[in-house]
């Protein structure tokens, strides 16, 4: 794993310029993904919002353009739960290279019943993990064409509290929605670390970085009408939580730094500074299940089998 020493000072309000670069943000039309896209657009880069709903994507695009003068923002339809559609989504980018993809989109179900995609995969595992894994495979040639393409995986601190059952990856037994979500994020993060190890072994120039946003609340999130509307009452209700948590604008900072900071290295984990739940983005140690390379390698093989695609084969 990468060293914990020496990243340069980083100002979340004064990001480096990135004119001429192309970034794809999955789920960039709402939540944390929206703020990742807005902040990256402020660097002069071209930002592509990957999401299913064209109307919501257009609302997010208009909001970003209203706040960022001259923003270069567009949309590509992306449904991570539909594995058969992802190649067409990658082709629809129409780019000759992709400097970074932020794998941010996710589904969190609060209660049963267990839901499946039309491919027969559990919905959260399919969207959060399988879809991003396959998408990276289809994007691999574009990432390889960039001088130093980056895959940035947005995980969750809840992943640190669960374990992965390779014999029941899709929670067919004893389905509990919140646990299934955390397991899907653990799988996603493990795959992000394993991707970097395999990229290094293959001699690829691209790198893979894992981040997590900490604790983010809507009530602490700045308004971005019509994408995000916040009432005065909601803002007041969120004030006590602001001592421990943060809004989604700040929760976007680790992913934005992972995309832009030249000191970031593959295989690193970035998250909020204060207890891992709020504050500016800093480098974190990779511990526990996240550091289990044998588990990650076995997960990779299982995921390649489920998706019918091994991303590394396409980086060559």
C-alpha atoms as a PDB file:
ATOM      1  CA  UNK A   1       0.000   0.000   0.000  1.00  0.00           C
ATOM      2  CA  UNK A   2       1.066   3.566  -0.635  1.00  0.00           C
ATOM      3  CA  UNK A   3       2.940   5.565   1.989  1.00  0.00           C
ATOM      4  CA  UNK A   4       1.102   7.815   4.404  1.00  0.00           C
ATOM      5  CA  UNK A   5       3.801  10.488   4.245  1.00  0.00           C
ATOM      6  CA  UNK A   6       4.003  13.793   2.554  1.00  0.00           C
ATOM      7  CA  UNK A   7       0.965  14.885   0.513  1.00  0.00           C
ATOM      8  CA  UNK A   8       1.238  18.542  -0.374  1.00  0.00           C
ATOM      9  CA  UNK A   9      -1.066  21.123   1.279  1.00  0.00           C
ATOM     10  CA  UNK A  10      -4.489  21.141  -0.345  1.00  0.00           C
ATOM     11  CA  UNK A  11      -6.996  23.972  -0.450  1.00  0.00           C
ATOM     12  CA  UNK A  12     -10.502  22.682  -1.148  1.00  0.00           C
ATOM     13  CA  UNK A  13     -11.537  26.186  -2.242  1.00  0.00           C
ATOM     14  CA  UNK A  14      -8.643  26.741  -4.691  1.00  0.00           C
ATOM     15  CA  UNK A  15      -8.415  23.735  -6.947  1.00  0.00           C
ATOM     16  CA  UNK A  16      -5.758  23.338  -9.646  1.00  0.00           C
ATOM     17  CA  UNK A  17      -6.771  24.078 -13.213  1.00  0.00           C
ATOM     18  CA  UNK A  18      -7.588  21.123 -15.459  1.00  0.00           C
ATOM     19  CA  UNK A  19      -8.385  22.590 -18.881  1.00  0.00           C
ATOM     20  CA  UNK A  20      -8.361  19.985 -21.623  1.00  0.00           C
ATOM     21  CA  UNK A  21      -9.099  17.086 -19.283  1.00  0.00           C
ATOM     22  CA  UNK A  22     -12.194  14.896 -19.400  1.00  0.00           C
ATOM     23  CA  UNK A  23     -13.884  13.573 -16.257  1.00  0.00           C
ATOM     24  CA  UNK A  24     -16.885  11.254 -15.913  1.00  0.00           C
ATOM     25  CA  UNK A  25     -18.884  11.314 -12.663  1.00  0.00           C
ATOM     26  CA  UNK A  26     -21.413   8.520 -12.226  1.00  0.00           C
ATOM     27  CA  UNK A  27     -24.488   9.734 -10.397  1.00  0.00           C
ATOM     28  CA  UNK A  28     -23.362  13.300 -11.062  1.00  0.00           C
ATOM     29  CA  UNK A  29     -26.906  14.641 -11.164  1.00  0.00           C
ATOM     30  CA  UNK A  30     -27.605  14.571  -7.403  1.00  0.00           C
ATOM     31  CA  UNK A  31     -26.183  14.248  -3.910  1.00  0.00           C
ATOM     32  CA  UNK A  32     -22.441  13.999  -3.430  1.00  0.00           C
ATOM     33  CA  UNK A  33     -21.950  13.250  -7.124  1.00  0.00           C
ATOM     34  CA  UNK A  34     -23.486  16.586  -8.055  1.00  0.00           C
ATOM     35  CA  UNK A  35     -20.992  18.480  -5.900  1.00  0.00           C
ATOM     36  CA  UNK A  36     -18.090  16.415  -7.250  1.00  0.00           C
ATOM     37  CA  UNK A  37     -19.178  17.427 -10.748  1.00  0.00           C
ATOM     38  CA  UNK A  38     -19.690  21.079  -9.815  1.00  0.00           C
ATOM     39  CA  UNK A  39     -16.267  21.356  -8.194  1.00  0.00           C
ATOM     40  CA  UNK A  40     -14.512  19.598 -11.085  1.00  0.00           C
ATOM     41  CA  UNK A  41     -16.319  21.843 -13.583  1.00  0.00           C
ATOM     42  CA  UNK A  42     -14.786  24.829 -11.812  1.00  0.00           C
ATOM     43  CA  UNK A  43     -11.316  23.673 -12.892  1.00  0.00           C
ATOM     44  CA  UNK A  44     -12.041  24.174 -16.598  1.00  0.00           C
ATOM     45  CA  UNK A  45     -12.271  20.461 -17.365  1.00  0.00           C
ATOM     46  CA  UNK A  46     -15.041  18.836 -19.382  1.00  0.00           C
ATOM     47  CA  UNK A  47     -17.320  16.988 -16.964  1.00  0.00           C
ATOM     48  CA  UNK A  48     -19.732  14.284 -18.076  1.00  0.00           C
ATOM     49  CA  UNK A  49     -22.649  13.420 -15.818  1.00  0.00           C
ATOM     50  CA  UNK A  50     -23.418   9.712 -16.008  1.00  0.00           C
ATOM     51  CA  UNK A  51     -26.983   9.001 -14.895  1.00  0.00           C
ATOM     52  CA  UNK A  52     -30.219   7.340 -15.966  1.00  0.00           C
ATOM     53  CA  UNK A  53     -32.628  10.275 -15.922  1.00  0.00           C
ATOM     54  CA  UNK A  54     -32.069  12.818 -18.672  1.00  0.00           C
ATOM     55  CA  UNK A  55     -34.337  15.420 -17.056  1.00  0.00           C
ATOM     56  CA  UNK A  56     -32.448  15.323 -13.769  1.00  0.00           C
ATOM     57  CA  UNK A  57     -29.153  15.419 -15.619  1.00  0.00           C
ATOM     58  CA  UNK A  58     -30.249  18.538 -17.486  1.00  0.00           C
ATOM     59  CA  UNK A  59     -31.314  20.190 -14.210  1.00  0.00           C
ATOM     60  CA  UNK A  60     -27.889  19.432 -12.716  1.00  0.00           C
ATOM     61  CA  UNK A  61     -26.149  20.676 -15.835  1.00  0.00           C
ATOM     62  CA  UNK A  62     -28.103  23.947 -15.742  1.00  0.00           C
ATOM     63  CA  UNK A  63     -27.336  24.406 -12.045  1.00  0.00           C
ATOM     64  CA  UNK A  64     -23.610  23.894 -12.580  1.00  0.00           C
ATOM     65  CA  UNK A  65     -23.545  26.255 -15.545  1.00  0.00           C
ATOM     66  CA  UNK A  66     -25.356  28.895 -13.475  1.00  0.00           C
ATOM     67  CA  UNK A  67     -22.674  28.722 -10.778  1.00  0.00           C
ATOM     68  CA  UNK A  68     -19.558  28.074 -12.866  1.00  0.00           C
ATOM     69  CA  UNK A  69     -18.939  30.535 -15.684  1.00  0.00           C
ATOM     70  CA  UNK A  70     -18.127  28.746 -18.923  1.00  0.00           C
ATOM     71  CA  UNK A  71     -18.627  25.296 -17.406  1.00  0.00           C
ATOM     72  CA  UNK A  72     -18.205  22.432 -19.861  1.00  0.00           C
ATOM     73  CA  UNK A  73     -20.801  19.924 -18.689  1.00  0.00           C
ATOM     74  CA  UNK A  74     -22.779  17.309 -20.563  1.00  0.00           C
ATOM     75  CA  UNK A  75     -24.673  14.097 -19.902  1.00  0.00           C
ATOM     76  CA  UNK A  76     -24.475  10.482 -20.988  1.00  0.00           C
ATOM     77  CA  UNK A  77     -27.189   7.993 -20.124  1.00  0.00           C
ATOM     78  CA  UNK A  78     -25.881   5.417 -17.673  1.00  0.00           C
ATOM     79  CA  UNK A  79     -27.790   2.619 -15.961  1.00  0.00           C
ATOM     80  CA  UNK A  80     -25.358   0.670 -13.799  1.00  0.00           C
ATOM     81  CA  UNK A  81     -27.982  -1.922 -12.943  1.00  0.00           C
ATOM     82  CA  UNK A  82     -28.186  -2.962 -16.612  1.00  0.00           C
ATOM     83  CA  UNK A  83     -24.880  -4.625 -17.477  1.00  0.00           C
ATOM     84  CA  UNK A  84     -25.825  -5.056 -21.125  1.00  0.00           C
ATOM     85  CA  UNK A  85     -26.159  -1.272 -21.599  1.00  0.00           C
ATOM     86  CA  UNK A  86     -22.753  -0.198 -20.308  1.00  0.00           C
ATOM     87  CA  UNK A  87     -20.736  -0.676 -23.469  1.00  0.00           C
ATOM     88  CA  UNK A  88     -23.101   1.660 -25.333  1.00  0.00           C
ATOM     89  CA  UNK A  89     -22.784   4.235 -22.538  1.00  0.00           C
ATOM     90  CA  UNK A  90     -18.997   4.154 -22.789  1.00  0.00           C
ATOM     91  CA  UNK A  91     -19.182   4.510 -26.577  1.00  0.00           C
ATOM     92  CA  UNK A  92     -21.619   7.426 -26.219  1.00  0.00           C
ATOM     93  CA  UNK A  93     -18.968   9.482 -24.433  1.00  0.00           C
ATOM     94  CA  UNK A  94     -17.448  10.183 -27.834  1.00  0.00           C
ATOM     95  CA  UNK A  95     -14.028  10.914 -26.301  1.00  0.00           C
ATOM     96  CA  UNK A  96     -10.530   9.998 -27.410  1.00  0.00           C
ATOM     97  CA  UNK A  97      -9.384   9.777 -23.796  1.00  0.00           C
ATOM     98  CA  UNK A  98     -10.764   9.911 -20.256  1.00  0.00           C
ATOM     99  CA  UNK A  99      -8.583  11.414 -17.538  1.00  0.00           C
ATOM    100  CA  UNK A 100     -10.687  10.160 -14.633  1.00  0.00           C
ATOM    101  CA  UNK A 101     -13.892   8.370 -13.794  1.00  0.00           C
ATOM    102  CA  UNK A 102     -15.453   8.921 -10.369  1.00  0.00           C
ATOM    103  CA  UNK A 103     -17.438   5.803  -9.487  1.00  0.00           C
ATOM    104  CA  UNK A 104     -19.906   7.563  -7.227  1.00  0.00           C
ATOM    105  CA  UNK A 105     -23.442   6.456  -8.135  1.00  0.00           C
ATOM    106  CA  UNK A 106     -25.103   4.155  -5.667  1.00  0.00           C
ATOM    107  CA  UNK A 107     -28.356   2.689  -4.438  1.00  0.00           C
ATOM    108  CA  UNK A 108     -29.324   2.392  -0.762  1.00  0.00           C
ATOM    109  CA  UNK A 109     -32.540   0.566   0.087  1.00  0.00           C
ATOM    110  CA  UNK A 110     -33.905   1.123   3.585  1.00  0.00           C
ATOM    111  CA  UNK A 111     -36.196  -1.875   3.955  1.00  0.00           C
ATOM    112  CA  UNK A 112     -37.091  -5.262   2.453  1.00  0.00           C
ATOM    113  CA  UNK A 113     -38.034  -6.876   0.167  1.00  0.00           C
ATOM    114  CA  UNK A 114     -34.833  -7.887  -1.577  1.00  0.00           C
ATOM    115  CA  UNK A 115     -34.871  -6.588  -5.144  1.00  0.00           C
ATOM    116  CA  UNK A 116     -33.108  -7.905  -8.221  1.00  0.00           C
ATOM    117  CA  UNK A 117     -32.096  -6.468 -11.571  1.00  0.00           C
ATOM    118  CA  UNK A 118     -33.309  -8.057 -14.770  1.00  0.00           C
ATOM    119  CA  UNK A 119     -29.981  -9.922 -14.839  1.00  0.00           C
ATOM    120  CA  UNK A 120     -30.977 -11.585 -11.559  1.00  0.00           C
ATOM    121  CA  UNK A 121     -28.459  -9.710  -9.411  1.00  0.00           C
ATOM    122  CA  UNK A 122     -29.311  -8.106  -6.057  1.00  0.00           C
ATOM    123  CA  UNK A 123     -29.989  -4.457  -6.861  1.00  0.00           C
ATOM    124  CA  UNK A 124     -27.533  -2.724  -4.503  1.00  0.00           C
ATOM    125  CA  UNK A 125     -24.689  -5.123  -5.203  1.00  0.00           C
ATOM    126  CA  UNK A 126     -25.385  -4.889  -8.929  1.00  0.00           C
ATOM    127  CA  UNK A 127     -25.480  -1.093  -9.059  1.00  0.00           C
ATOM    128  CA  UNK A 128     -22.795  -0.184  -6.565  1.00  0.00           C
ATOM    129  CA  UNK A 129     -20.266  -2.894  -7.376  1.00  0.00           C
ATOM    130  CA  UNK A 130     -20.954  -4.984 -10.477  1.00  0.00           C
ATOM    131  CA  UNK A 131     -22.010  -2.057 -12.656  1.00  0.00           C
ATOM    132  CA  UNK A 132     -18.981   0.040 -11.828  1.00  0.00           C
ATOM    133  CA  UNK A 133     -16.648  -2.939 -12.292  1.00  0.00           C
ATOM    134  CA  UNK A 134     -18.031  -3.580 -15.776  1.00  0.00           C
ATOM    135  CA  UNK A 135     -18.085   0.110 -16.654  1.00  0.00           C
ATOM    136  CA  UNK A 136     -14.369   0.407 -15.832  1.00  0.00           C
ATOM    137  CA  UNK A 137     -13.750  -2.435 -18.252  1.00  0.00           C
ATOM    138  CA  UNK A 138     -15.531  -0.639 -21.081  1.00  0.00           C
ATOM    139  CA  UNK A 139     -13.792   2.646 -20.203  1.00  0.00           C
ATOM    140  CA  UNK A 140     -10.348   1.039 -19.965  1.00  0.00           C
ATOM    141  CA  UNK A 141      -9.136   2.005 -23.466  1.00  0.00           C
ATOM    142  CA  UNK A 142     -10.091   5.650 -22.846  1.00  0.00           C
ATOM    143  CA  UNK A 143      -8.388   5.670 -19.445  1.00  0.00           C
ATOM    144  CA  UNK A 144      -5.299   4.027 -20.930  1.00  0.00           C
ATOM    145  CA  UNK A 145      -5.183   6.713 -23.644  1.00  0.00           C
ATOM    146  CA  UNK A 146      -4.816   9.466 -21.011  1.00  0.00           C
ATOM    147  CA  UNK A 147      -1.293  10.251 -19.755  1.00  0.00           C
ATOM    148  CA  UNK A 148      -2.286   9.109 -16.246  1.00  0.00           C
ATOM    149  CA  UNK A 149      -5.919   8.035 -16.140  1.00  0.00           C
ATOM    150  CA  UNK A 150      -7.530   7.667 -12.720  1.00  0.00           C
ATOM    151  CA  UNK A 151     -10.289   5.450 -11.429  1.00  0.00           C
ATOM    152  CA  UNK A 152     -11.706   6.970  -8.244  1.00  0.00           C
ATOM    153  CA  UNK A 153     -14.000   4.705  -6.258  1.00  0.00           C
ATOM    154  CA  UNK A 154     -16.341   6.345  -3.767  1.00  0.00           C
ATOM    155  CA  UNK A 155     -16.820   3.893  -0.935  1.00  0.00           C
ATOM    156  CA  UNK A 156     -18.408   4.315   2.483  1.00  0.00           C
ATOM    157  CA  UNK A 157     -17.104   4.302   6.040  1.00  0.00           C
ATOM    158  CA  UNK A 158     -19.919   1.810   6.794  1.00  0.00           C
ATOM    159  CA  UNK A 159     -17.934  -0.763   4.805  1.00  0.00           C
ATOM    160  CA  UNK A 160     -15.433  -0.925   7.648  1.00  0.00           C
ATOM    161  CA  UNK A 161     -18.052  -2.417   9.968  1.00  0.00           C
ATOM    162  CA  UNK A 162     -19.028  -5.459   7.876  1.00  0.00           C
ATOM    163  CA  UNK A 163     -17.382  -8.538   6.426  1.00  0.00           C
ATOM    164  CA  UNK A 164     -17.804 -10.044   2.979  1.00  0.00           C
ATOM    165  CA  UNK A 165     -19.224 -13.518   2.467  1.00  0.00           C
ATOM    166  CA  UNK A 166     -17.863 -14.810  -0.829  1.00  0.00           C
ATOM    167  CA  UNK A 167     -20.383 -17.642  -0.725  1.00  0.00           C
ATOM    168  CA  UNK A 168     -23.277 -15.181  -0.508  1.00  0.00           C
ATOM    169  CA  UNK A 169     -22.108 -12.017  -2.238  1.00  0.00           C
ATOM    170  CA  UNK A 170     -25.635 -11.025  -3.191  1.00  0.00           C
ATOM    171  CA  UNK A 171     -27.290 -11.517   0.199  1.00  0.00           C
ATOM    172  CA  UNK A 172     -29.607 -14.300  -0.904  1.00  0.00           C
ATOM    173  CA  UNK A 173     -29.540 -15.585   2.684  1.00  0.00           C
ATOM    174  CA  UNK A 174     -30.632 -13.445   5.643  1.00  0.00           C
ATOM    175  CA  UNK A 175     -31.151 -10.268   3.597  1.00  0.00           C
ATOM    176  CA  UNK A 176     -30.794  -7.084   5.632  1.00  0.00           C
ATOM    177  CA  UNK A 177     -30.865  -3.936   3.468  1.00  0.00           C
ATOM    178  CA  UNK A 178     -28.388  -1.783   5.353  1.00  0.00           C
ATOM    179  CA  UNK A 179     -25.933  -4.621   5.757  1.00  0.00           C
ATOM    180  CA  UNK A 180     -26.295  -5.541   2.085  1.00  0.00           C
ATOM    181  CA  UNK A 181     -25.549  -1.934   1.176  1.00  0.00           C
ATOM    182  CA  UNK A 182     -22.429  -1.850   3.371  1.00  0.00           C
ATOM    183  CA  UNK A 183     -21.252  -5.127   1.891  1.00  0.00           C
ATOM    184  CA  UNK A 184     -21.720  -3.783  -1.625  1.00  0.00           C
ATOM    185  CA  UNK A 185     -19.559  -0.776  -0.730  1.00  0.00           C
ATOM    186  CA  UNK A 186     -16.938  -3.023   0.853  1.00  0.00           C
ATOM    187  CA  UNK A 187     -16.856  -5.045  -2.362  1.00  0.00           C
ATOM    188  CA  UNK A 188     -16.518  -1.865  -4.380  1.00  0.00           C
ATOM    189  CA  UNK A 189     -13.621  -0.606  -2.238  1.00  0.00           C
ATOM    190  CA  UNK A 190     -11.816  -3.960  -2.247  1.00  0.00           C
ATOM    191  CA  UNK A 191     -12.112  -4.039  -6.029  1.00  0.00           C
ATOM    192  CA  UNK A 192     -10.703  -0.505  -6.218  1.00  0.00           C
ATOM    193  CA  UNK A 193      -7.580  -1.551  -4.316  1.00  0.00           C
ATOM    194  CA  UNK A 194      -7.263  -4.775  -6.290  1.00  0.00           C
ATOM    195  CA  UNK A 195      -7.618  -2.847  -9.545  1.00  0.00           C
ATOM    196  CA  UNK A 196      -4.589  -0.770  -8.671  1.00  0.00           C
ATOM    197  CA  UNK A 197      -2.506  -3.821  -7.793  1.00  0.00           C
ATOM    198  CA  UNK A 198      -3.398  -5.399 -11.122  1.00  0.00           C
ATOM    199  CA  UNK A 199      -2.714  -2.188 -13.030  1.00  0.00           C
ATOM    200  CA  UNK A 200       0.749  -2.015 -11.452  1.00  0.00           C
ATOM    201  CA  UNK A 201       1.427  -5.666 -12.283  1.00  0.00           C
ATOM    202  CA  UNK A 202       0.390  -5.034 -15.888  1.00  0.00           C
ATOM    203  CA  UNK A 203       2.632  -1.971 -16.185  1.00  0.00           C
ATOM    204  CA  UNK A 204      -0.328   0.297 -16.917  1.00  0.00           C
ATOM    205  CA  UNK A 205      -0.093   4.078 -16.549  1.00  0.00           C
ATOM    206  CA  UNK A 206      -3.600   4.383 -15.068  1.00  0.00           C
ATOM    207  CA  UNK A 207      -4.095   4.221 -11.307  1.00  0.00           C
ATOM    208  CA  UNK A 208      -6.948   3.421  -8.935  1.00  0.00           C
ATOM    209  CA  UNK A 209      -7.742   5.382  -5.769  1.00  0.00           C
ATOM    210  CA  UNK A 210     -10.419   4.731  -3.141  1.00  0.00           C
ATOM    211  CA  UNK A 211     -12.214   7.458  -1.183  1.00  0.00           C
ATOM    212  CA  UNK A 212     -15.076   7.747   1.240  1.00  0.00           C
ATOM    213  CA  UNK A 213     -17.172  10.860   1.984  1.00  0.00           C
ATOM    214  CA  UNK A 214     -17.584  10.479   5.746  1.00  0.00           C
ATOM    215  CA  UNK A 215     -20.942  11.439   7.191  1.00  0.00           C
ATOM    216  CA  UNK A 216     -23.059  13.656   4.932  1.00  0.00           C
ATOM    217  CA  UNK A 217     -26.527  15.024   5.653  1.00  0.00           C
ATOM    218  CA  UNK A 218     -29.019  16.739   3.367  1.00  0.00           C
ATOM    219  CA  UNK A 219     -29.822  19.231   6.134  1.00  0.00           C
ATOM    220  CA  UNK A 220     -26.205  20.464   6.074  1.00  0.00           C
ATOM    221  CA  UNK A 221     -25.982  20.595   2.288  1.00  0.00           C
ATOM    222  CA  UNK A 222     -26.054  23.939   0.442  1.00  0.00           C
ATOM    223  CA  UNK A 223     -29.059  24.631  -1.749  1.00  0.00           C
ATOM    224  CA  UNK A 224     -28.763  24.102  -5.503  1.00  0.00           C
ATOM    225  CA  UNK A 225     -32.281  24.631  -6.845  1.00  0.00           C
ATOM    226  CA  UNK A 226     -33.881  22.754  -8.455  1.00  0.00           C
ATOM    227  CA  UNK A 227     -31.373  19.946  -7.824  1.00  0.00           C
ATOM    228  CA  UNK A 228     -31.290  20.595  -4.104  1.00  0.00           C
ATOM    229  CA  UNK A 229     -33.720  22.828  -2.207  1.00  0.00           C
ATOM    230  CA  UNK A 230     -33.168  23.516   1.495  1.00  0.00           C
ATOM    231  CA  UNK A 231     -35.672  25.255   3.761  1.00  0.00           C
ATOM    232  CA  UNK A 232     -34.790  27.436   6.724  1.00  0.00           C
ATOM    233  CA  UNK A 233     -36.389  24.923   9.086  1.00  0.00           C
ATOM    234  CA  UNK A 234     -34.285  22.115   7.667  1.00  0.00           C
ATOM    235  CA  UNK A 235     -31.134  24.183   8.075  1.00  0.00           C
ATOM    236  CA  UNK A 236     -31.930  24.857  11.735  1.00  0.00           C
ATOM    237  CA  UNK A 237     -32.646  21.181  12.396  1.00  0.00           C
ATOM    238  CA  UNK A 238     -29.260  20.275  10.970  1.00  0.00           C
ATOM    239  CA  UNK A 239     -27.204  22.687  13.070  1.00  0.00           C
ATOM    240  CA  UNK A 240     -26.558  20.301  16.009  1.00  0.00           C
ATOM    241  CA  UNK A 241     -25.456  17.534  13.637  1.00  0.00           C
ATOM    242  CA  UNK A 242     -22.967  19.961  12.091  1.00  0.00           C
ATOM    243  CA  UNK A 243     -20.729  19.458  15.112  1.00  0.00           C
ATOM    244  CA  UNK A 244     -20.043  15.908  13.957  1.00  0.00           C
ATOM    245  CA  UNK A 245     -21.153  15.589  10.351  1.00  0.00           C
ATOM    246  CA  UNK A 246     -21.067  17.695   7.184  1.00  0.00           C
ATOM    247  CA  UNK A 247     -23.005  18.498   4.053  1.00  0.00           C
ATOM    248  CA  UNK A 248     -22.596  16.855   0.681  1.00  0.00           C
ATOM    249  CA  UNK A 249     -20.526  19.716  -0.706  1.00  0.00           C
ATOM    250  CA  UNK A 250     -17.774  18.896   1.811  1.00  0.00           C
ATOM    251  CA  UNK A 251     -18.360  15.164   1.396  1.00  0.00           C
ATOM    252  CA  UNK A 252     -17.307  15.562  -2.253  1.00  0.00           C
ATOM    253  CA  UNK A 253     -13.819  16.787  -1.300  1.00  0.00           C
ATOM    254  CA  UNK A 254     -12.041  13.404  -1.006  1.00  0.00           C
ATOM    255  CA  UNK A 255     -13.128  12.326  -4.499  1.00  0.00           C
ATOM    256  CA  UNK A 256     -12.237  15.715  -5.987  1.00  0.00           C
ATOM    257  CA  UNK A 257      -8.781  15.588  -4.439  1.00  0.00           C
ATOM    258  CA  UNK A 258      -8.296  12.019  -5.676  1.00  0.00           C
ATOM    259  CA  UNK A 259      -9.030  13.210  -9.220  1.00  0.00           C
ATOM    260  CA  UNK A 260      -6.909  16.366  -9.215  1.00  0.00           C
ATOM    261  CA  UNK A 261      -4.047  16.171  -6.715  1.00  0.00           C
ATOM    262  CA  UNK A 262      -0.761  15.223  -8.447  1.00  0.00           C
ATOM    263  CA  UNK A 263       0.562  13.836  -5.148  1.00  0.00           C
ATOM    264  CA  UNK A 264      -2.155  11.156  -5.002  1.00  0.00           C
ATOM    265  CA  UNK A 265      -0.881   7.644  -5.677  1.00  0.00           C
ATOM    266  CA  UNK A 266      -2.608   4.454  -6.690  1.00  0.00           C
ATOM    267  CA  UNK A 267      -3.826   2.191  -3.921  1.00  0.00           C
ATOM    268  CA  UNK A 268      -4.440   5.031  -1.493  1.00  0.00           C
ATOM    269  CA  UNK A 269      -7.516   5.705   0.637  1.00  0.00           C
ATOM    270  CA  UNK A 270      -8.707   9.292   1.157  1.00  0.00           C
ATOM    271  CA  UNK A 271     -11.388  10.484   3.560  1.00  0.00           C
ATOM    272  CA  UNK A 272     -12.363  13.375   5.856  1.00  0.00           C
ATOM    273  CA  UNK A 273      -9.785  14.492   8.434  1.00  0.00           C
ATOM    274  CA  UNK A 274     -11.878  14.584  11.629  1.00  0.00           C
ATOM    275  CA  UNK A 275     -12.586  11.037  12.832  1.00  0.00           C
ATOM    276  CA  UNK A 276     -13.083  10.010   9.228  1.00  0.00           C
ATOM    277  CA  UNK A 277     -16.498  11.684   9.134  1.00  0.00           C
ATOM    278  CA  UNK A 278     -15.959  15.392   8.427  1.00  0.00           C
ATOM    279  CA  UNK A 279     -13.368  17.937   7.388  1.00  0.00           C
ATOM    280  CA  UNK A 280     -10.819  18.396   4.647  1.00  0.00           C
ATOM    281  CA  UNK A 281      -9.631  15.318   2.725  1.00  0.00           C
ATOM    282  CA  UNK A 282      -6.605  13.463   4.073  1.00  0.00           C
ATOM    283  CA  UNK A 283      -4.809  10.198   3.460  1.00  0.00           C
ATOM    284  CA  UNK A 284      -6.004   7.304   5.626  1.00  0.00           C
ATOM    285  CA  UNK A 285      -4.357   3.973   6.469  1.00  0.00           C
ATOM    286  CA  UNK A 286      -5.831   0.912   4.778  1.00  0.00           C
ATOM    287  CA  UNK A 287      -6.700  -1.559   7.523  1.00  0.00           C
ATOM    288  CA  UNK A 288      -8.855  -4.540   8.398  1.00  0.00           C
ATOM    289  CA  UNK A 289     -10.908  -6.150   5.651  1.00  0.00           C
ATOM    290  CA  UNK A 290      -9.873  -3.395   3.241  1.00  0.00           C
ATOM    291  CA  UNK A 291      -6.262  -4.595   3.482  1.00  0.00           C
ATOM    292  CA  UNK A 292      -7.098  -8.263   2.826  1.00  0.00           C
ATOM    293  CA  UNK A 293      -5.411  -8.850  -0.528  1.00  0.00           C
ATOM    294  CA  UNK A 294      -6.405 -12.517  -0.703  1.00  0.00           C
ATOM    295  CA  UNK A 295     -10.066 -11.631  -0.211  1.00  0.00           C
ATOM    296  CA  UNK A 296      -9.820  -8.884  -2.819  1.00  0.00           C
ATOM    297  CA  UNK A 297      -8.261 -11.251  -5.360  1.00  0.00           C
ATOM    298  CA  UNK A 298     -10.991 -13.830  -4.838  1.00  0.00           C
ATOM    299  CA  UNK A 299     -13.658 -11.137  -5.098  1.00  0.00           C
ATOM    300  CA  UNK A 300     -12.123  -9.934  -8.360  1.00  0.00           C
ATOM    301  CA  UNK A 301     -12.391 -13.401  -9.892  1.00  0.00           C
ATOM    302  CA  UNK A 302     -15.985 -13.779  -8.714  1.00  0.00           C
ATOM    303  CA  UNK A 303     -16.923 -10.340 -10.038  1.00  0.00           C
ATOM    304  CA  UNK A 304     -15.321 -10.971 -13.426  1.00  0.00           C
ATOM    305  CA  UNK A 305     -17.370 -14.160 -13.649  1.00  0.00           C
ATOM    306  CA  UNK A 306     -20.622 -12.371 -12.762  1.00  0.00           C
ATOM    307  CA  UNK A 307     -20.044  -9.523 -15.224  1.00  0.00           C
ATOM    308  CA  UNK A 308     -18.370 -11.553 -17.961  1.00  0.00           C
ATOM    309  CA  UNK A 309     -15.610  -8.933 -18.118  1.00  0.00           C
ATOM    310  CA  UNK A 310     -12.117  -8.468 -16.663  1.00  0.00           C
ATOM    311  CA  UNK A 311     -11.194  -4.763 -16.844  1.00  0.00           C
ATOM    312  CA  UNK A 312      -7.426  -5.385 -16.780  1.00  0.00           C
ATOM    313  CA  UNK A 313      -7.560  -7.229 -20.086  1.00  0.00           C
ATOM    314  CA  UNK A 314      -8.784  -4.036 -21.744  1.00  0.00           C
ATOM    315  CA  UNK A 315      -6.126  -1.665 -20.375  1.00  0.00           C
ATOM    316  CA  UNK A 316      -3.447  -3.195 -22.580  1.00  0.00           C
END
